[in-house]
Protein backbone atom coordinates (compact mmCIF):
# COMPACT_ATOMS: atom_id res chain seq x y z
CA UNK A 1 -24.64 58.45 -59.76
CA UNK A 2 -27.64 56.39 -58.64
CA UNK A 3 -28.32 56.21 -54.89
CA UNK A 4 -27.12 53.28 -52.82
CA UNK A 5 -29.43 51.06 -50.77
CA UNK A 6 -28.62 51.46 -47.07
CA UNK A 7 -29.72 49.18 -44.23
CA UNK A 8 -31.79 51.35 -41.87
CA UNK A 9 -33.94 48.92 -39.85
CA UNK A 10 -33.93 45.26 -38.79
CA UNK A 11 -36.34 42.92 -37.06
CA UNK A 12 -37.14 39.24 -36.67
CA UNK A 13 -39.85 37.03 -35.22
CA UNK A 14 -40.50 33.36 -34.65
CA UNK A 15 -43.85 31.83 -33.69
CA UNK A 16 -44.40 30.86 -30.03
CA UNK A 17 -44.81 27.12 -30.57
CA UNK A 18 -41.45 25.45 -29.82
CA UNK A 19 -40.78 21.89 -30.97
CA UNK A 20 -37.80 20.21 -29.33
CA UNK A 21 -35.82 17.26 -30.63
CA UNK A 22 -37.28 15.07 -27.90
CA UNK A 23 -40.78 15.98 -29.04
CA UNK A 24 -39.94 14.87 -32.59
CA UNK A 25 -38.31 11.71 -31.27
CA UNK A 26 -41.62 10.79 -29.63
CA UNK A 27 -43.27 10.86 -33.09
CA UNK A 28 -40.54 9.71 -35.45
CA UNK A 29 -37.75 7.12 -35.66
CA UNK A 30 -35.09 9.53 -34.46
CA UNK A 31 -33.43 10.85 -31.31
CA UNK A 32 -32.10 14.10 -29.90
CA UNK A 33 -28.53 12.81 -30.39
CA UNK A 34 -29.18 11.84 -34.03
CA UNK A 35 -30.64 15.25 -34.85
CA UNK A 36 -27.94 17.26 -33.05
CA UNK A 37 -25.12 15.23 -34.59
CA UNK A 38 -26.37 15.56 -38.17
CA UNK A 39 -27.86 19.04 -38.15
CA UNK A 40 -26.72 20.96 -35.06
CA UNK A 41 -30.38 21.80 -34.34
CA UNK A 42 -31.74 21.55 -30.79
CA UNK A 43 -35.22 22.92 -31.38
CA UNK A 44 -37.27 24.87 -33.88
CA UNK A 45 -40.43 27.00 -33.91
CA UNK A 46 -43.53 26.15 -35.93
CA UNK A 47 -46.75 27.99 -36.58
CA UNK A 48 -49.77 26.99 -34.47
CA UNK A 49 -53.05 26.20 -36.25
CA UNK A 50 -54.41 29.26 -38.03
CA UNK A 51 -51.09 31.14 -38.32
CA UNK A 52 -49.65 31.72 -41.79
CA UNK A 53 -46.62 33.15 -43.54
CA UNK A 54 -48.37 36.51 -43.80
CA UNK A 55 -48.77 36.64 -40.02
CA UNK A 56 -45.05 35.98 -39.57
CA UNK A 57 -44.18 38.64 -42.13
CA UNK A 58 -46.33 41.27 -40.43
CA UNK A 59 -44.64 40.66 -37.07
CA UNK A 60 -41.11 40.90 -38.47
CA UNK A 61 -41.99 43.79 -40.76
CA UNK A 62 -43.43 45.78 -37.86
CA UNK A 63 -40.22 45.32 -35.88
CA UNK A 64 -38.05 46.39 -38.81
CA UNK A 65 -40.15 49.51 -39.34
CA UNK A 66 -39.85 50.35 -35.62
CA UNK A 67 -36.09 49.81 -35.81
CA UNK A 68 -35.94 52.28 -38.70
CA UNK A 69 -37.77 54.91 -36.67
CA UNK A 70 -41.29 54.18 -37.83
CA UNK A 71 -43.07 55.84 -40.70
CA UNK A 72 -43.89 54.68 -44.19
CA UNK A 73 -41.90 52.99 -46.94
CA UNK A 74 -42.34 53.21 -50.70
CA UNK A 75 -42.50 49.48 -51.49
CA UNK A 76 -42.64 46.01 -49.94
CA UNK A 77 -40.80 42.95 -51.26
CA UNK A 78 -41.60 39.62 -49.58
CA UNK A 79 -39.41 36.56 -50.13
CA UNK A 80 -41.32 33.34 -49.49
CA UNK A 81 -41.91 29.86 -50.87
CA UNK A 82 -44.96 29.30 -48.67
CA UNK A 83 -47.34 32.13 -49.61
CA UNK A 84 -50.69 32.34 -47.86
CA UNK A 85 -52.36 31.36 -51.14
CA UNK A 86 -51.13 30.48 -54.66
CA UNK A 87 -52.90 33.63 -55.85
CA UNK A 88 -52.66 36.52 -55.10
CA UNK A 89 -49.21 37.33 -53.73
CA UNK A 90 -48.97 37.67 -49.95
CA UNK A 91 -47.03 40.98 -49.93
CA UNK A 92 -49.99 43.29 -50.72
CA UNK A 93 -51.91 41.91 -47.74
CA UNK A 94 -48.85 42.34 -45.51
CA UNK A 95 -48.44 45.95 -46.65
CA UNK A 96 -52.12 46.63 -45.94
CA UNK A 97 -51.95 45.07 -42.47
CA UNK A 98 -48.89 47.18 -41.67
CA UNK A 99 -50.80 50.33 -42.60
CA UNK A 100 -48.49 51.19 -45.50
CA UNK A 101 -51.22 52.29 -47.87
CA UNK A 102 -51.25 51.61 -51.60
CA UNK A 103 -47.52 51.01 -52.07
CA UNK A 104 -46.28 48.49 -54.63
CA UNK A 105 -45.90 45.09 -52.97
CA UNK A 106 -44.95 41.74 -54.46
CA UNK A 107 -43.49 38.32 -53.66
CA UNK A 108 -40.15 36.84 -54.71
CA UNK A 109 -39.71 33.05 -54.77
CA UNK A 110 -36.16 31.71 -54.56
CA UNK A 111 -36.56 29.39 -51.55
CA UNK A 112 -33.61 29.77 -49.13
CA UNK A 113 -31.93 32.37 -51.36
CA UNK A 114 -35.13 34.39 -51.44
CA UNK A 115 -34.02 37.10 -49.03
CA UNK A 116 -30.84 37.80 -51.04
CA UNK A 117 -32.88 38.01 -54.25
CA UNK A 118 -35.39 40.32 -52.53
CA UNK A 119 -32.57 42.56 -51.27
CA UNK A 120 -31.17 42.84 -54.78
CA UNK A 121 -34.63 43.65 -56.13
CA UNK A 122 -35.12 46.37 -53.51
CA UNK A 123 -31.69 47.79 -54.29
CA UNK A 124 -32.74 48.00 -57.93
CA UNK A 125 -35.93 49.89 -57.02
CA UNK A 126 -33.91 52.39 -55.01
CA UNK A 127 -31.12 52.72 -57.57
CA UNK A 128 -33.65 53.36 -60.34
CA UNK A 129 -35.34 56.08 -58.34
CA UNK A 130 -38.62 54.14 -58.17
CA UNK A 131 -38.53 53.96 -54.38
CA UNK A 132 -36.74 55.92 -51.68
CA UNK A 133 -37.24 53.19 -49.09
CA UNK A 134 -38.24 49.51 -49.22
CA UNK A 135 -39.35 47.01 -46.59
CA UNK A 136 -37.76 43.65 -47.44
CA UNK A 137 -39.10 40.58 -45.64
CA UNK A 138 -38.09 36.93 -45.69
CA UNK A 139 -40.81 34.71 -44.24
CA UNK A 140 -41.76 31.05 -44.44
CA UNK A 141 -44.13 28.69 -42.65
CA UNK A 142 -42.28 25.69 -44.04
CA UNK A 143 -43.73 23.29 -41.48
CA UNK A 144 -46.99 23.48 -43.44
CA UNK A 145 -45.47 21.69 -46.47
CA UNK A 146 -43.45 19.00 -44.66
CA UNK A 147 -44.45 15.34 -44.66
CA UNK A 148 -45.39 14.60 -41.02
CA UNK A 149 -43.73 11.18 -41.31
CA UNK A 150 -40.46 12.34 -42.93
CA UNK A 151 -37.74 12.61 -40.28
CA UNK A 152 -35.17 13.94 -42.77
CA UNK A 153 -37.11 17.17 -43.37
CA UNK A 154 -39.13 17.64 -40.19
CA UNK A 155 -36.01 17.79 -38.01
CA UNK A 156 -34.38 20.48 -40.16
CA UNK A 157 -36.97 23.13 -40.88
CA UNK A 158 -38.61 25.76 -38.71
CA UNK A 159 -40.88 28.73 -39.29
CA UNK A 160 -40.11 32.43 -38.89
CA UNK A 161 -39.63 35.82 -40.49
CA UNK A 162 -36.92 38.45 -40.67
CA UNK A 163 -37.10 41.89 -42.22
CA UNK A 164 -35.02 44.95 -43.05
CA UNK A 165 -35.76 48.49 -44.16
CA UNK A 166 -33.54 49.84 -46.93
CA UNK A 167 -33.35 53.56 -47.72
CA UNK A 168 -31.65 55.60 -50.40
CA UNK A 169 -28.22 56.87 -49.37
CA UNK A 170 -24.54 57.02 -50.25
CA UNK A 171 -22.33 54.05 -51.00
CA UNK A 172 -19.74 55.25 -48.45
CA UNK A 173 -22.28 55.08 -45.60
CA UNK A 174 -22.27 52.23 -43.10
CA UNK A 175 -25.06 49.87 -44.07
CA UNK A 176 -24.79 50.45 -47.83
CA UNK A 177 -25.10 47.22 -49.81
CA UNK A 178 -21.84 46.98 -51.75
CA UNK A 179 -22.94 44.87 -54.69
CA UNK A 180 -24.50 41.48 -55.36
CA UNK A 181 -23.63 38.14 -56.84
CA UNK A 182 -26.66 36.08 -57.87
CA UNK A 183 -26.98 32.84 -59.82
CA UNK A 184 -29.11 29.82 -60.62
CA UNK A 185 -28.88 26.35 -62.15
CA UNK A 186 -32.24 24.94 -63.21
CA UNK A 187 -30.60 21.68 -64.32
CA UNK A 188 -30.66 20.63 -60.66
CA UNK A 189 -34.20 21.83 -59.90
CA UNK A 190 -35.32 18.36 -58.81
CA UNK A 191 -32.89 18.31 -55.88
CA UNK A 192 -35.10 20.69 -53.86
CA UNK A 193 -38.77 20.61 -54.83
CA UNK A 194 -42.46 20.23 -54.08
CA UNK A 195 -43.53 18.21 -57.15
CA UNK A 196 -47.30 18.80 -56.99
CA UNK A 197 -49.55 21.84 -56.83
CA UNK A 198 -48.25 23.83 -59.80
CA UNK A 199 -49.36 24.09 -63.40
CA UNK A 200 -46.95 21.36 -64.52
CA UNK A 201 -48.63 18.76 -62.31
CA UNK A 202 -52.16 20.12 -62.63
CA UNK A 203 -52.06 20.19 -66.44
CA UNK A 204 -51.56 16.43 -66.53
CA UNK A 205 -55.17 15.97 -65.46
CA UNK A 206 -54.44 13.21 -62.96
CA UNK A 207 -54.35 13.44 -59.16
CA UNK A 208 -50.86 13.68 -57.70
CA UNK A 209 -49.52 11.22 -55.19
CA UNK A 210 -49.95 12.41 -51.62
CA UNK A 211 -46.17 12.49 -51.11
CA UNK A 212 -45.78 14.86 -54.07
CA UNK A 213 -47.61 17.62 -52.19
CA UNK A 214 -44.81 17.70 -49.60
CA UNK A 215 -41.34 19.20 -49.75
CA UNK A 216 -38.62 16.84 -51.00
CA UNK A 217 -34.83 17.24 -50.90
CA UNK A 218 -31.87 15.08 -51.93
CA UNK A 219 -29.53 15.98 -49.09
CA UNK A 220 -26.13 14.65 -50.20
CA UNK A 221 -25.80 16.50 -53.52
CA UNK A 222 -27.40 19.58 -51.97
CA UNK A 223 -24.67 19.66 -49.29
CA UNK A 224 -21.77 19.90 -51.74
CA UNK A 225 -23.54 22.38 -53.99
CA UNK A 226 -24.52 24.60 -51.05
CA UNK A 227 -20.94 24.85 -49.80
CA UNK A 228 -19.51 25.48 -53.28
CA UNK A 229 -22.11 28.03 -54.34
CA UNK A 230 -22.27 30.03 -51.09
CA UNK A 231 -18.50 30.23 -50.74
CA UNK A 232 -18.00 31.12 -54.40
CA UNK A 233 -20.66 33.82 -54.27
CA UNK A 234 -19.17 35.23 -51.06
CA UNK A 235 -15.71 35.40 -52.63
CA UNK A 236 -17.03 37.37 -55.58
CA UNK A 237 -18.78 40.05 -53.51
CA UNK A 238 -15.75 40.39 -51.26
CA UNK A 239 -13.56 40.98 -54.30
CA UNK A 240 -16.06 43.44 -55.77
CA UNK A 241 -16.06 45.38 -52.49
CA UNK A 242 -12.27 45.69 -52.69
CA UNK A 243 -11.77 43.52 -49.60
CA UNK A 244 -9.72 40.45 -48.85
CA UNK A 245 -11.34 37.47 -47.13
CA UNK A 246 -9.18 38.28 -44.10
CA UNK A 247 -10.98 41.66 -43.91
CA UNK A 248 -14.37 40.00 -43.27
CA UNK A 249 -15.38 40.31 -39.63
CA UNK A 250 -18.64 38.35 -39.74
CA UNK A 251 -20.14 35.81 -42.13
CA UNK A 252 -23.93 35.48 -42.09
CA UNK A 253 -24.71 32.43 -44.22
CA UNK A 254 -28.01 30.66 -44.79
CA UNK A 255 -28.65 28.49 -41.74
CA UNK A 256 -29.04 25.20 -43.60
CA UNK A 257 -27.35 22.94 -41.06
CA UNK A 258 -24.30 23.14 -38.83
CA UNK A 259 -22.10 21.00 -41.07
CA UNK A 260 -22.78 23.17 -44.13
CA UNK A 261 -22.05 26.33 -42.12
CA UNK A 262 -18.79 24.88 -40.82
CA UNK A 263 -17.71 23.71 -44.27
CA UNK A 264 -18.57 27.06 -45.87
CA UNK A 265 -16.61 29.02 -43.28
CA UNK A 266 -13.65 26.67 -43.66
CA UNK A 267 -13.75 27.00 -47.45
CA UNK A 268 -13.58 30.78 -47.05
CA UNK A 269 -10.87 30.69 -44.40
CA UNK A 270 -13.18 32.30 -41.83
CA UNK A 271 -12.83 31.22 -38.19
CA UNK A 272 -15.92 29.45 -36.81
CA UNK A 273 -16.46 32.15 -34.19
CA UNK A 274 -16.85 34.73 -36.97
CA UNK A 275 -19.66 32.76 -38.66
CA UNK A 276 -23.10 33.52 -37.19
CA UNK A 277 -25.05 30.46 -36.13
CA UNK A 278 -28.54 30.47 -34.63
CA UNK A 279 -29.99 27.37 -36.29
CA UNK A 280 -29.56 25.42 -33.05
CA UNK A 281 -32.50 27.46 -31.71
CA UNK A 282 -34.58 28.11 -34.85
CA UNK A 283 -33.63 25.47 -37.42
CA UNK A 284 -33.59 26.17 -41.14
CA UNK A 285 -36.18 28.93 -41.62
CA UNK A 286 -35.74 29.13 -45.41
CA UNK A 287 -36.22 32.73 -46.68
CA UNK A 288 -36.21 34.00 -43.08
CA UNK A 289 -32.87 32.37 -42.33
CA UNK A 290 -30.42 35.18 -43.17
CA UNK A 291 -32.40 38.12 -41.71
CA UNK A 292 -33.24 36.15 -38.55
CA UNK A 293 -29.56 35.32 -38.11
CA UNK A 294 -28.69 39.01 -38.59
CA UNK A 295 -31.29 40.10 -36.04
CA UNK A 296 -30.09 37.53 -33.53
CA UNK A 297 -26.44 38.50 -34.01
CA UNK A 298 -27.15 42.23 -33.82
CA UNK A 299 -29.21 41.86 -30.63
CA UNK A 300 -26.51 39.77 -28.95
CA UNK A 301 -23.67 42.11 -29.95
CA UNK A 302 -22.12 39.60 -32.33
CA UNK A 303 -22.58 42.22 -35.05
CA UNK A 304 -21.07 45.59 -34.11
CA UNK A 305 -21.06 48.93 -35.95
CA UNK A 306 -18.25 49.06 -38.50
CA UNK A 307 -17.96 45.28 -38.92
CA UNK A 308 -17.39 44.11 -42.47
CA UNK A 309 -20.15 41.61 -43.11
CA UNK A 310 -20.91 39.13 -45.88
CA UNK A 311 -24.38 37.67 -46.39
CA UNK A 312 -24.68 34.53 -48.51
CA UNK A 313 -27.42 32.02 -49.27
CA UNK A 314 -28.29 28.92 -51.26
CA UNK A 315 -31.63 27.34 -52.05
CA UNK A 316 -33.94 25.58 -54.44
CA UNK A 317 -33.94 26.42 -58.08
CA UNK A 318 -31.04 25.89 -57.61
CA UNK A 319 -30.29 29.48 -56.59
CA UNK A 320 -27.53 31.26 -54.72
CA UNK A 321 -26.44 34.79 -53.90
CA UNK A 322 -24.39 37.08 -51.68
CA UNK A 323 -23.86 40.71 -50.76
CA UNK A 324 -21.52 42.68 -48.49
CA UNK A 325 -21.83 45.71 -46.21
CA UNK A 326 -20.27 47.52 -43.28
CA UNK A 327 -22.59 47.06 -40.32
CA UNK A 328 -24.46 50.23 -39.31
CA UNK A 329 -25.47 51.29 -35.81
CA UNK A 330 -29.18 50.45 -35.89
CA UNK A 331 -31.42 49.50 -32.95
CA UNK A 332 -32.78 45.95 -32.83
CA UNK A 333 -35.63 44.71 -30.70
CA UNK A 334 -33.97 42.22 -28.36
CA UNK A 335 -37.11 40.81 -26.78
CA UNK A 336 -36.85 37.00 -26.81
CA UNK A 337 -39.71 36.45 -29.24
CA UNK A 338 -38.38 39.12 -31.58
CA UNK A 339 -35.19 37.31 -32.56
CA UNK A 340 -35.22 33.92 -30.86
CA UNK A 341 -37.71 31.10 -30.39
CA UNK A 342 -40.68 32.13 -28.29
CA UNK A 343 -40.68 30.98 -24.70
CA UNK A 344 -44.38 31.25 -24.00
CA UNK A 345 -44.60 27.48 -23.92
CA UNK A 346 -44.09 24.35 -25.99
CA UNK A 347 -46.63 22.14 -27.66
């Protein structure tokens, strides 16, 4: 029997620059009440000038490695849609900066589902005997691709990174990932997109419109698809684990917005208090969303050893995915800037 992938370390980090709703209201046609009512977000963190996705990934990766007891890993998988450069991948640089030597390192792009896809990839590396341990990071500096004048996207997204260390182990161990459900639907790719900057646009030989270089999302159809896909994926992994939905102690869903989280929990019959929510403090951090929410919940005691946990996400592509595990007893750095917005100051 191939080895299982077991959660052995966890860490998260958000950049120190905090942007409140009132700060956005001073720039855009919006208000704190409008933002809170529609998204549930009170503030978010964004990278200061000169900070990139790779910087975020290194911070979170370092914390996850410390949580796992330090030492090396055999591979690094980085989920991001905002790499430091189009070429090469950001993961090799992150591995180098973390002092991990010449391990295989590569990026995975599945937008807000990226961390779930990266987890599944790491589980495959471990199950195939290619790696005995893998550092999996979800990191995005999404503020760098938002239209400064677009209130519908700027109020939602924040920057950050979350990371886990997976090691080879037994499926009966706490922390073992109990299977995956992954899917995509490219027919709806235009609902969540950055139209310009890729080979499709560049091959046309004409300059792209300025707006096409920024992230674009059609919110209404995304809402219904997010709820349907995350809840359906969660149901499938719960069934595969041999559980009932009533057995699930904690749901950690992609922190898209408060209304999507509430609707997803209701669709699954999970009480609101059993659904982790930290987007009020960090916003939608894209590939970092699920691991940051895990780190926050573990540090606060919302996740306790033995809890039956479901992780589920939804993002551009369209993509979706889920996995399940029993929560292990692992240490988590509970310093404020490790799992919550930095408090060094606002700007």
